[in-house]
Amino acid sequence: MSFTDALEEALLVDDHPVVTDYDVFRRAGALIDMRVWNSQPIKHLPQGWDQAKLRGALRRLVERQAIAEDRDFRSGVWRLVQSTKSGSAEEVACIADPFCYVSHLSAMQRYGLSDRNPTALHLTTPRRPIWNQMRDGKIAEELALIPDDPATLLARVGFKEKLRRRPVVVHETSHPTKPTWVRGEHTRIVPVGQTFVDMLSEPALCGGMRHVLDVWETHAAEWLEQVIPAVDASDAKIVKVRAGYILTERLDVDHPKVAAWQAYAQRGGSRKLDPEAPYEPVYSENWMISLNV
């Protein structure tokens, strides 16, 4: 069995809807180390493995129509032609960018928190300096030899305006959360507790504060074990104040951690429940926040 045959079969066994340059580089490197595939010796193994040889392997896979350029991306992402999985926009995005995850209104919809079905897919990815640090850590952990040009091997993909005919909105963050995996998919999603935090820190990206209040009043009680620790871990004082107001004055939640957030209330300030709406002279005495919704 030739090296290219083995690589093609290995990619088919993995059966991902798309693969990146990095995925192929890593899979091929593993085959070179094993020297066999399906109990058959691999012939014509490359002497050493680098990015120049990767380009040759990709070219041969394209020539035999095993992979094809994925036109939803600028470069570095390939459709596996015979994959049994088409891949949703969420899955394809999370394969192409190993550090992004579904967030905001899209996460709310996936968790069943919102009855809205957003047209756009909302994704969050780390800002470039943090992304680069995470890339270097991933390469050091997964590859025995550091490639000659890590920045091009595991590149930060540029999403086009649409992915699988769905509009994409990408948010960058300096504080990426540790996402969770959606069962049976290649999709990463922000944890449900952090989703509630995002609703209060960026309500405009979550359907607006009126919708956020509806979601909190309907669903927060059933997710308290996740919501309270997530809010408590947030660095944003206004998130604690907004959450404290909603939980205590709208949902009658009595919890020592929630009560402790009242220390972040500020008398005489201009804090608002809805950051997008004008200030209103109706406010919570306990949480010292304008109830401008």
C-alpha atoms as a PDB file:
ATOM      1  CA  MET A   1       0.000   0.000   0.000  1.00  0.00           C
ATOM      2  CA  SER A   2       1.371   3.378  -0.996  1.00  0.00           C
ATOM      3  CA  PHE A   3       1.658   6.279   1.423  1.00  0.00           C
ATOM      4  CA  THR A   4      -1.001   8.261  -0.462  1.00  0.00           C
ATOM      5  CA  ASP A   5      -3.388   5.269  -0.454  1.00  0.00           C
ATOM      6  CA  ALA A   6      -2.919   4.867   3.294  1.00  0.00           C
ATOM      7  CA  LEU A   7      -3.440   8.563   3.933  1.00  0.00           C
ATOM      8  CA  GLU A   8      -6.628   8.622   1.864  1.00  0.00           C
ATOM      9  CA  GLU A   9      -8.012   5.573   3.665  1.00  0.00           C
ATOM     10  CA  ALA A  10      -7.106   6.995   7.073  1.00  0.00           C
ATOM     11  CA  LEU A  11      -8.968  10.215   6.305  1.00  0.00           C
ATOM     12  CA  LEU A  12     -11.990   8.197   5.162  1.00  0.00           C
ATOM     13  CA  VAL A  13     -11.954   6.200   8.400  1.00  0.00           C
ATOM     14  CA  ASP A  14     -11.883   9.444  10.402  1.00  0.00           C
ATOM     15  CA  ASP A  15     -14.861  10.528   8.258  1.00  0.00           C
ATOM     16  CA  HIS A  16     -14.825  14.216   9.101  1.00  0.00           C
ATOM     17  CA  PRO A  17     -16.848  16.461   6.774  1.00  0.00           C
ATOM     18  CA  VAL A  18     -13.812  18.714   6.320  1.00  0.00           C
ATOM     19  CA  VAL A  19     -10.124  18.591   7.180  1.00  0.00           C
ATOM     20  CA  THR A  20      -7.526  21.307   7.538  1.00  0.00           C
ATOM     21  CA  ASP A  21      -3.900  21.390   6.456  1.00  0.00           C
ATOM     22  CA  TYR A  22      -3.011  20.736  10.085  1.00  0.00           C
ATOM     23  CA  ASP A  23      -5.336  17.719  10.303  1.00  0.00           C
ATOM     24  CA  VAL A  24      -3.720  16.130   7.250  1.00  0.00           C
ATOM     25  CA  PHE A  25      -0.214  16.941   8.506  1.00  0.00           C
ATOM     26  CA  ARG A  26      -0.935  15.292  11.854  1.00  0.00           C
ATOM     27  CA  ARG A  27      -2.670  12.238  10.342  1.00  0.00           C
ATOM     28  CA  ALA A  28       0.142  11.688   7.868  1.00  0.00           C
ATOM     29  CA  GLY A  29       2.766  12.039  10.577  1.00  0.00           C
ATOM     30  CA  ALA A  30       1.043   9.322  12.595  1.00  0.00           C
ATOM     31  CA  LEU A  31       1.055   6.995   9.573  1.00  0.00           C
ATOM     32  CA  ILE A  32       4.764   7.599   9.037  1.00  0.00           C
ATOM     33  CA  ASP A  33       5.429   6.694  12.662  1.00  0.00           C
ATOM     34  CA  MET A  34       3.298   3.517  12.441  1.00  0.00           C
ATOM     35  CA  ARG A  35       4.674   2.473   9.028  1.00  0.00           C
ATOM     36  CA  VAL A  36       1.660   0.194   8.539  1.00  0.00           C
ATOM     37  CA  TRP A  37      -2.038   0.639   7.803  1.00  0.00           C
ATOM     38  CA  ASN A  38      -4.614  -2.122   8.218  1.00  0.00           C
ATOM     39  CA  SER A  39      -1.764  -4.554   8.876  1.00  0.00           C
ATOM     40  CA  GLN A  40      -0.184  -3.694   5.519  1.00  0.00           C
ATOM     41  CA  PRO A  41       3.267  -2.113   5.269  1.00  0.00           C
ATOM     42  CA  ILE A  42       3.186   1.389   3.818  1.00  0.00           C
ATOM     43  CA  LYS A  43       5.469   1.778   0.812  1.00  0.00           C
ATOM     44  CA  HIS A  44       7.207   4.919  -0.396  1.00  0.00           C
ATOM     45  CA  LEU A  45       7.151   6.586   3.006  1.00  0.00           C
ATOM     46  CA  PRO A  46       8.539  10.134   2.950  1.00  0.00           C
ATOM     47  CA  GLN A  47      12.008  10.545   4.369  1.00  0.00           C
ATOM     48  CA  GLY A  48      11.139  13.009   7.077  1.00  0.00           C
ATOM     49  CA  TRP A  49       7.912  14.944   7.197  1.00  0.00           C
ATOM     50  CA  ASP A  50       7.594  18.685   6.715  1.00  0.00           C
ATOM     51  CA  GLN A  51       5.275  21.253   5.203  1.00  0.00           C
ATOM     52  CA  ALA A  52       6.803  20.966   1.731  1.00  0.00           C
ATOM     53  CA  LYS A  53       5.976  17.243   1.715  1.00  0.00           C
ATOM     54  CA  LEU A  54       2.512  18.067   3.051  1.00  0.00           C
ATOM     55  CA  ARG A  55       1.866  20.274   0.021  1.00  0.00           C
ATOM     56  CA  GLY A  56       2.841  17.383  -2.232  1.00  0.00           C
ATOM     57  CA  ALA A  57       0.533  14.999  -0.375  1.00  0.00           C
ATOM     58  CA  LEU A  58      -2.355  17.461  -0.602  1.00  0.00           C
ATOM     59  CA  ARG A  59      -1.764  17.881  -4.327  1.00  0.00           C
ATOM     60  CA  ARG A  60      -1.909  14.123  -4.874  1.00  0.00           C
ATOM     61  CA  LEU A  61      -5.106  13.827  -2.814  1.00  0.00           C
ATOM     62  CA  VAL A  62      -6.685  16.564  -4.923  1.00  0.00           C
ATOM     63  CA  GLU A  63      -5.580  14.873  -8.157  1.00  0.00           C
ATOM     64  CA  ARG A  64      -7.259  11.610  -7.161  1.00  0.00           C
ATOM     65  CA  GLN A  65     -10.355  13.565  -6.048  1.00  0.00           C
ATOM     66  CA  ALA A  66     -10.099  12.435  -2.442  1.00  0.00           C
ATOM     67  CA  ILE A  67     -10.300  16.026  -1.211  1.00  0.00           C
ATOM     68  CA  ALA A  68     -11.444  19.291  -2.750  1.00  0.00           C
ATOM     69  CA  GLU A  69     -10.920  22.887  -1.725  1.00  0.00           C
ATOM     70  CA  ASP A  70     -13.727  24.103   0.514  1.00  0.00           C
ATOM     71  CA  ARG A  71     -14.816  27.333  -1.104  1.00  0.00           C
ATOM     72  CA  ASP A  72     -16.498  28.578   2.057  1.00  0.00           C
ATOM     73  CA  PHE A  73     -12.962  29.345   3.288  1.00  0.00           C
ATOM     74  CA  ARG A  74     -10.123  31.339   1.800  1.00  0.00           C
ATOM     75  CA  SER A  75      -7.576  28.529   2.113  1.00  0.00           C
ATOM     76  CA  GLY A  76      -6.380  25.617   4.214  1.00  0.00           C
ATOM     77  CA  VAL A  77      -9.724  23.791   4.552  1.00  0.00           C
ATOM     78  CA  TRP A  78     -10.678  20.787   2.427  1.00  0.00           C
ATOM     79  CA  ARG A  79     -13.885  18.851   1.864  1.00  0.00           C
ATOM     80  CA  LEU A  80     -13.484  15.106   2.194  1.00  0.00           C
ATOM     81  CA  VAL A  81     -15.208  14.082  -1.035  1.00  0.00           C
ATOM     82  CA  GLN A  82     -16.439  10.651   0.105  1.00  0.00           C
ATOM     83  CA  SER A  83     -17.301  11.582   3.677  1.00  0.00           C
ATOM     84  CA  THR A  84     -20.644  10.255   4.869  1.00  0.00           C
ATOM     85  CA  LYS A  85     -21.182  13.500   6.789  1.00  0.00           C
ATOM     86  CA  SER A  86     -22.051  16.799   5.163  1.00  0.00           C
ATOM     87  CA  GLY A  87     -21.350  18.750   8.338  1.00  0.00           C
ATOM     88  CA  SER A  88     -23.460  21.590   9.696  1.00  0.00           C
ATOM     89  CA  ALA A  89     -22.168  25.150   9.656  1.00  0.00           C
ATOM     90  CA  GLU A  90     -21.418  24.792  13.376  1.00  0.00           C
ATOM     91  CA  GLU A  91     -19.407  21.594  12.927  1.00  0.00           C
ATOM     92  CA  VAL A  92     -17.442  22.830   9.945  1.00  0.00           C
ATOM     93  CA  ALA A  93     -16.598  26.082  11.741  1.00  0.00           C
ATOM     94  CA  CYS A  94     -15.337  24.238  14.826  1.00  0.00           C
ATOM     95  CA  ILE A  95     -13.142  21.942  12.720  1.00  0.00           C
ATOM     96  CA  ALA A  96     -11.711  24.823  10.707  1.00  0.00           C
ATOM     97  CA  ASP A  97     -10.987  26.945  13.804  1.00  0.00           C
ATOM     98  CA  PRO A  98     -10.003  24.611  16.670  1.00  0.00           C
ATOM     99  CA  PHE A  99     -10.538  27.331  19.286  1.00  0.00           C
ATOM    100  CA  CYS A 100     -13.886  28.820  18.256  1.00  0.00           C
ATOM    101  CA  TYR A 101     -17.243  27.853  19.725  1.00  0.00           C
ATOM    102  CA  VAL A 102     -20.948  28.533  19.255  1.00  0.00           C
ATOM    103  CA  SER A 103     -22.090  31.440  21.415  1.00  0.00           C
ATOM    104  CA  HIS A 104     -24.681  34.120  22.175  1.00  0.00           C
ATOM    105  CA  LEU A 105     -28.092  33.751  20.499  1.00  0.00           C
ATOM    106  CA  SER A 106     -26.955  30.621  18.626  1.00  0.00           C
ATOM    107  CA  ALA A 107     -25.971  28.970  21.920  1.00  0.00           C
ATOM    108  CA  MET A 108     -29.266  30.024  23.490  1.00  0.00           C
ATOM    109  CA  GLN A 109     -31.118  28.333  20.660  1.00  0.00           C
ATOM    110  CA  ARG A 110     -29.042  25.129  20.905  1.00  0.00           C
ATOM    111  CA  TYR A 111     -29.716  24.888  24.657  1.00  0.00           C
ATOM    112  CA  GLY A 112     -33.435  25.420  24.143  1.00  0.00           C
ATOM    113  CA  LEU A 113     -33.346  28.710  26.035  1.00  0.00           C
ATOM    114  CA  SER A 114     -34.679  30.788  23.158  1.00  0.00           C
ATOM    115  CA  ASP A 115     -37.542  30.117  20.786  1.00  0.00           C
ATOM    116  CA  ARG A 116     -35.861  32.327  18.234  1.00  0.00           C
ATOM    117  CA  ASN A 117     -34.086  30.611  15.360  1.00  0.00           C
ATOM    118  CA  PRO A 118     -31.289  33.010  14.424  1.00  0.00           C
ATOM    119  CA  THR A 119     -30.464  33.227  10.741  1.00  0.00           C
ATOM    120  CA  ALA A 120     -26.838  34.025  11.526  1.00  0.00           C
ATOM    121  CA  LEU A 121     -24.474  31.635  13.258  1.00  0.00           C
ATOM    122  CA  HIS A 122     -22.783  33.377  16.190  1.00  0.00           C
ATOM    123  CA  LEU A 123     -19.256  32.165  16.936  1.00  0.00           C
ATOM    124  CA  THR A 124     -16.662  33.349  19.435  1.00  0.00           C
ATOM    125  CA  THR A 125     -12.921  32.947  18.914  1.00  0.00           C
ATOM    126  CA  PRO A 126      -9.941  34.235  20.923  1.00  0.00           C
ATOM    127  CA  ARG A 127      -8.241  37.460  19.889  1.00  0.00           C
ATOM    128  CA  ARG A 128      -5.222  36.867  17.700  1.00  0.00           C
ATOM    129  CA  PRO A 129      -2.450  37.029  20.374  1.00  0.00           C
ATOM    130  CA  ILE A 130      -4.340  34.549  22.562  1.00  0.00           C
ATOM    131  CA  TRP A 131      -5.232  32.404  19.552  1.00  0.00           C
ATOM    132  CA  ASN A 132      -1.552  32.230  18.609  1.00  0.00           C
ATOM    133  CA  GLN A 133      -0.610  31.144  22.134  1.00  0.00           C
ATOM    134  CA  MET A 134      -3.248  28.422  22.048  1.00  0.00           C
ATOM    135  CA  ARG A 135      -2.018  27.312  18.622  1.00  0.00           C
ATOM    136  CA  ASP A 136       1.558  26.985  19.877  1.00  0.00           C
ATOM    137  CA  GLY A 137       0.366  24.975  22.866  1.00  0.00           C
ATOM    138  CA  LYS A 138      -1.716  22.649  20.692  1.00  0.00           C
ATOM    139  CA  ILE A 139       1.185  21.997  18.316  1.00  0.00           C
ATOM    140  CA  ALA A 140       3.615  21.349  21.177  1.00  0.00           C
ATOM    141  CA  GLU A 141       1.163  18.889  22.739  1.00  0.00           C
ATOM    142  CA  GLU A 142       0.134  17.017  19.596  1.00  0.00           C
ATOM    143  CA  LEU A 143       3.207  16.921  17.339  1.00  0.00           C
ATOM    144  CA  ALA A 144       6.491  15.203  18.120  1.00  0.00           C
ATOM    145  CA  LEU A 145       8.425  17.638  15.927  1.00  0.00           C
ATOM    146  CA  ILE A 146       7.682  21.359  15.778  1.00  0.00           C
ATOM    147  CA  PRO A 147       6.966  22.278  12.127  1.00  0.00           C
ATOM    148  CA  ASP A 148       9.134  24.789  10.305  1.00  0.00           C
ATOM    149  CA  ASP A 149       6.305  27.339  10.031  1.00  0.00           C
ATOM    150  CA  PRO A 150       3.601  26.746  12.672  1.00  0.00           C
ATOM    151  CA  ALA A 151       1.735  29.932  11.762  1.00  0.00           C
ATOM    152  CA  THR A 152       0.944  28.660   8.259  1.00  0.00           C
ATOM    153  CA  LEU A 153       0.439  25.018   9.202  1.00  0.00           C
ATOM    154  CA  LEU A 154      -2.223  25.801  11.809  1.00  0.00           C
ATOM    155  CA  ALA A 155      -3.513  29.073  10.472  1.00  0.00           C
ATOM    156  CA  ARG A 156      -6.312  31.175  11.893  1.00  0.00           C
ATOM    157  CA  VAL A 157      -8.908  30.745   9.182  1.00  0.00           C
ATOM    158  CA  GLY A 158     -10.790  33.677   7.793  1.00  0.00           C
ATOM    159  CA  PHE A 159     -14.522  33.060   7.747  1.00  0.00           C
ATOM    160  CA  LYS A 160     -16.359  34.421   4.748  1.00  0.00           C
ATOM    161  CA  GLU A 161     -19.727  36.123   5.133  1.00  0.00           C
ATOM    162  CA  LYS A 162     -21.557  32.814   4.773  1.00  0.00           C
ATOM    163  CA  LEU A 163     -20.763  29.247   5.789  1.00  0.00           C
ATOM    164  CA  ARG A 164     -22.885  26.502   4.283  1.00  0.00           C
ATOM    165  CA  ARG A 165     -25.182  29.258   2.987  1.00  0.00           C
ATOM    166  CA  ARG A 166     -25.669  30.578   6.525  1.00  0.00           C
ATOM    167  CA  PRO A 167     -24.520  34.067   7.589  1.00  0.00           C
ATOM    168  CA  VAL A 168     -21.689  33.979  10.115  1.00  0.00           C
ATOM    169  CA  VAL A 169     -20.986  36.537  12.845  1.00  0.00           C
ATOM    170  CA  VAL A 170     -17.614  36.067  14.551  1.00  0.00           C
ATOM    171  CA  HIS A 171     -16.944  37.711  17.924  1.00  0.00           C
ATOM    172  CA  GLU A 172     -13.416  37.991  19.301  1.00  0.00           C
ATOM    173  CA  THR A 173     -12.699  37.780  23.016  1.00  0.00           C
ATOM    174  CA  SER A 174      -9.740  38.371  25.303  1.00  0.00           C
ATOM    175  CA  HIS A 175     -11.263  35.943  27.816  1.00  0.00           C
ATOM    176  CA  PRO A 176     -12.171  32.738  25.973  1.00  0.00           C
ATOM    177  CA  THR A 177     -14.166  30.258  27.991  1.00  0.00           C
ATOM    178  CA  LYS A 178     -13.564  26.521  28.039  1.00  0.00           C
ATOM    179  CA  PRO A 179     -16.280  25.224  25.722  1.00  0.00           C
ATOM    180  CA  THR A 180     -18.126  21.933  25.931  1.00  0.00           C
ATOM    181  CA  TRP A 181     -18.709  19.445  23.123  1.00  0.00           C
ATOM    182  CA  VAL A 182     -22.135  18.811  21.636  1.00  0.00           C
ATOM    183  CA  ARG A 183     -22.712  15.074  21.877  1.00  0.00           C
ATOM    184  CA  GLY A 184     -22.292  13.244  18.578  1.00  0.00           C
ATOM    185  CA  GLU A 185     -20.930  16.295  16.772  1.00  0.00           C
ATOM    186  CA  HIS A 186     -17.658  18.088  16.140  1.00  0.00           C
ATOM    187  CA  THR A 187     -19.306  21.200  17.591  1.00  0.00           C
ATOM    188  CA  ARG A 188     -18.045  23.154  20.597  1.00  0.00           C
ATOM    189  CA  ILE A 189     -20.433  25.403  22.482  1.00  0.00           C
ATOM    190  CA  VAL A 190     -20.117  27.886  25.323  1.00  0.00           C
ATOM    191  CA  PRO A 191     -21.216  26.278  28.637  1.00  0.00           C
ATOM    192  CA  VAL A 192     -24.802  27.017  29.595  1.00  0.00           C
ATOM    193  CA  GLY A 193     -23.803  28.994  32.697  1.00  0.00           C
ATOM    194  CA  GLN A 194     -21.568  31.265  30.635  1.00  0.00           C
ATOM    195  CA  THR A 195     -24.406  31.641  28.131  1.00  0.00           C
ATOM    196  CA  PHE A 196     -26.489  33.262  30.884  1.00  0.00           C
ATOM    197  CA  VAL A 197     -23.533  35.530  31.715  1.00  0.00           C
ATOM    198  CA  ASP A 198     -23.194  36.565  28.066  1.00  0.00           C
ATOM    199  CA  MET A 199     -26.870  37.488  27.994  1.00  0.00           C
ATOM    200  CA  LEU A 200     -26.241  40.103  30.676  1.00  0.00           C
ATOM    201  CA  SER A 201     -22.873  41.352  29.444  1.00  0.00           C
ATOM    202  CA  GLU A 202     -23.850  41.544  25.756  1.00  0.00           C
ATOM    203  CA  PRO A 203     -27.653  41.466  25.561  1.00  0.00           C
ATOM    204  CA  ALA A 204     -27.686  43.011  22.085  1.00  0.00           C
ATOM    205  CA  LEU A 205     -26.060  39.812  20.765  1.00  0.00           C
ATOM    206  CA  CYS A 206     -28.622  37.673  22.574  1.00  0.00           C
ATOM    207  CA  GLY A 207     -31.867  39.070  21.218  1.00  0.00           C
ATOM    208  CA  GLY A 208     -32.002  42.267  23.281  1.00  0.00           C
ATOM    209  CA  MET A 209     -32.579  42.790  26.993  1.00  0.00           C
ATOM    210  CA  ARG A 210     -36.339  42.244  26.815  1.00  0.00           C
ATOM    211  CA  HIS A 211     -35.738  38.807  25.345  1.00  0.00           C
ATOM    212  CA  VAL A 212     -32.948  38.159  27.851  1.00  0.00           C
ATOM    213  CA  LEU A 213     -35.291  38.931  30.749  1.00  0.00           C
ATOM    214  CA  ASP A 214     -37.886  36.551  29.319  1.00  0.00           C
ATOM    215  CA  VAL A 215     -35.261  33.812  29.050  1.00  0.00           C
ATOM    216  CA  TRP A 216     -33.950  34.371  32.578  1.00  0.00           C
ATOM    217  CA  GLU A 217     -37.450  34.406  34.063  1.00  0.00           C
ATOM    218  CA  THR A 218     -38.372  31.225  32.183  1.00  0.00           C
ATOM    219  CA  HIS A 219     -35.194  29.150  32.446  1.00  0.00           C
ATOM    220  CA  ALA A 220     -32.728  30.507  35.035  1.00  0.00           C
ATOM    221  CA  ALA A 221     -34.284  28.622  37.959  1.00  0.00           C
ATOM    222  CA  GLU A 222     -33.708  25.226  36.330  1.00  0.00           C
ATOM    223  CA  TRP A 223     -30.056  26.075  35.609  1.00  0.00           C
ATOM    224  CA  LEU A 224     -29.142  27.728  38.926  1.00  0.00           C
ATOM    225  CA  GLU A 225     -26.357  25.230  39.662  1.00  0.00           C
ATOM    226  CA  GLN A 226     -24.610  26.390  36.494  1.00  0.00           C
ATOM    227  CA  VAL A 227     -25.706  30.032  36.454  1.00  0.00           C
ATOM    228  CA  ILE A 228     -24.632  31.108  39.951  1.00  0.00           C
ATOM    229  CA  PRO A 229     -21.006  29.835  39.708  1.00  0.00           C
ATOM    230  CA  ALA A 230     -20.647  31.328  36.215  1.00  0.00           C
ATOM    231  CA  VAL A 231     -21.870  34.748  37.343  1.00  0.00           C
ATOM    232  CA  ASP A 232     -19.736  34.535  40.475  1.00  0.00           C
ATOM    233  CA  ALA A 233     -16.645  33.862  38.336  1.00  0.00           C
ATOM    234  CA  SER A 234     -17.316  36.817  36.029  1.00  0.00           C
ATOM    235  CA  ASP A 235     -15.005  39.820  36.367  1.00  0.00           C
ATOM    236  CA  ALA A 236     -17.798  42.172  35.293  1.00  0.00           C
ATOM    237  CA  LYS A 237     -19.420  43.788  38.323  1.00  0.00           C
ATOM    238  CA  ILE A 238     -22.410  44.917  36.250  1.00  0.00           C
ATOM    239  CA  VAL A 239     -23.147  41.285  35.372  1.00  0.00           C
ATOM    240  CA  LYS A 240     -23.342  40.425  39.073  1.00  0.00           C
ATOM    241  CA  VAL A 241     -25.626  43.388  39.719  1.00  0.00           C
ATOM    242  CA  ARG A 242     -27.959  42.587  36.813  1.00  0.00           C
ATOM    243  CA  ALA A 243     -28.041  38.906  37.735  1.00  0.00           C
ATOM    244  CA  GLY A 244     -28.613  39.710  41.395  1.00  0.00           C
ATOM    245  CA  TYR A 245     -31.539  41.966  40.566  1.00  0.00           C
ATOM    246  CA  ILE A 246     -33.180  39.394  38.292  1.00  0.00           C
ATOM    247  CA  LEU A 247     -32.674  36.456  40.638  1.00  0.00           C
ATOM    248  CA  THR A 248     -33.737  38.156  43.864  1.00  0.00           C
ATOM    249  CA  GLU A 249     -36.403  40.633  42.768  1.00  0.00           C
ATOM    250  CA  ARG A 250     -37.941  38.820  39.805  1.00  0.00           C
ATOM    251  CA  LEU A 251     -37.396  35.162  40.731  1.00  0.00           C
ATOM    252  CA  ASP A 252     -37.260  35.345  44.568  1.00  0.00           C
ATOM    253  CA  VAL A 253     -34.045  33.338  44.700  1.00  0.00           C
ATOM    254  CA  ASP A 254     -32.465  33.231  48.159  1.00  0.00           C
ATOM    255  CA  HIS A 255     -28.824  32.190  47.918  1.00  0.00           C
ATOM    256  CA  PRO A 256     -25.792  33.420  49.903  1.00  0.00           C
ATOM    257  CA  LYS A 257     -23.604  33.933  46.825  1.00  0.00           C
ATOM    258  CA  VAL A 258     -26.312  35.953  45.109  1.00  0.00           C
ATOM    259  CA  ALA A 259     -26.770  38.060  48.231  1.00  0.00           C
ATOM    260  CA  ALA A 260     -23.013  38.715  48.293  1.00  0.00           C
ATOM    261  CA  TRP A 261     -23.175  40.323  44.842  1.00  0.00           C
ATOM    262  CA  GLN A 262     -25.062  43.231  46.370  1.00  0.00           C
ATOM    263  CA  ALA A 263     -21.658  44.521  47.500  1.00  0.00           C
ATOM    264  CA  TYR A 264     -21.031  45.474  43.850  1.00  0.00           C
ATOM    265  CA  ALA A 265     -24.034  47.818  43.711  1.00  0.00           C
ATOM    266  CA  GLN A 266     -23.054  51.506  43.572  1.00  0.00           C
ATOM    267  CA  ARG A 267     -25.259  54.289  44.879  1.00  0.00           C
ATOM    268  CA  GLY A 268     -25.384  57.422  42.780  1.00  0.00           C
ATOM    269  CA  GLY A 269     -24.139  55.697  39.635  1.00  0.00           C
ATOM    270  CA  SER A 270     -25.702  55.479  36.191  1.00  0.00           C
ATOM    271  CA  ARG A 271     -25.888  51.721  35.840  1.00  0.00           C
ATOM    272  CA  LYS A 272     -28.703  50.416  33.691  1.00  0.00           C
ATOM    273  CA  LEU A 273     -30.386  47.065  33.340  1.00  0.00           C
ATOM    274  CA  ASP A 274     -30.376  47.499  29.555  1.00  0.00           C
ATOM    275  CA  PRO A 275     -27.089  49.035  28.358  1.00  0.00           C
ATOM    276  CA  GLU A 276     -28.632  49.929  24.986  1.00  0.00           C
ATOM    277  CA  ALA A 277     -31.666  51.849  26.304  1.00  0.00           C
ATOM    278  CA  PRO A 278     -31.853  55.364  27.806  1.00  0.00           C
ATOM    279  CA  TYR A 279     -31.597  55.801  31.560  1.00  0.00           C
ATOM    280  CA  GLU A 280     -34.948  55.767  33.394  1.00  0.00           C
ATOM    281  CA  PRO A 281     -35.578  57.232  36.884  1.00  0.00           C
ATOM    282  CA  VAL A 282     -37.081  53.946  38.051  1.00  0.00           C
ATOM    283  CA  TYR A 283     -34.579  51.818  39.858  1.00  0.00           C
ATOM    284  CA  SER A 284     -33.960  48.969  42.269  1.00  0.00           C
ATOM    285  CA  GLU A 285     -33.209  50.210  45.776  1.00  0.00           C
ATOM    286  CA  ASN A 286     -31.222  47.096  46.643  1.00  0.00           C
ATOM    287  CA  TRP A 287     -29.204  46.813  43.441  1.00  0.00           C
ATOM    288  CA  MET A 288     -29.017  50.544  42.613  1.00  0.00           C
ATOM    289  CA  ILE A 289     -29.684  49.992  38.923  1.00  0.00           C
ATOM    290  CA  SER A 290     -32.029  51.778  36.525  1.00  0.00           C
ATOM    291  CA  LEU A 291     -34.882  49.479  35.494  1.00  0.00           C
ATOM    292  CA  ASN A 292     -34.971  50.885  31.974  1.00  0.00           C
ATOM    293  CA  VAL A 293     -36.611  47.922  30.254  1.00  0.00           C
END
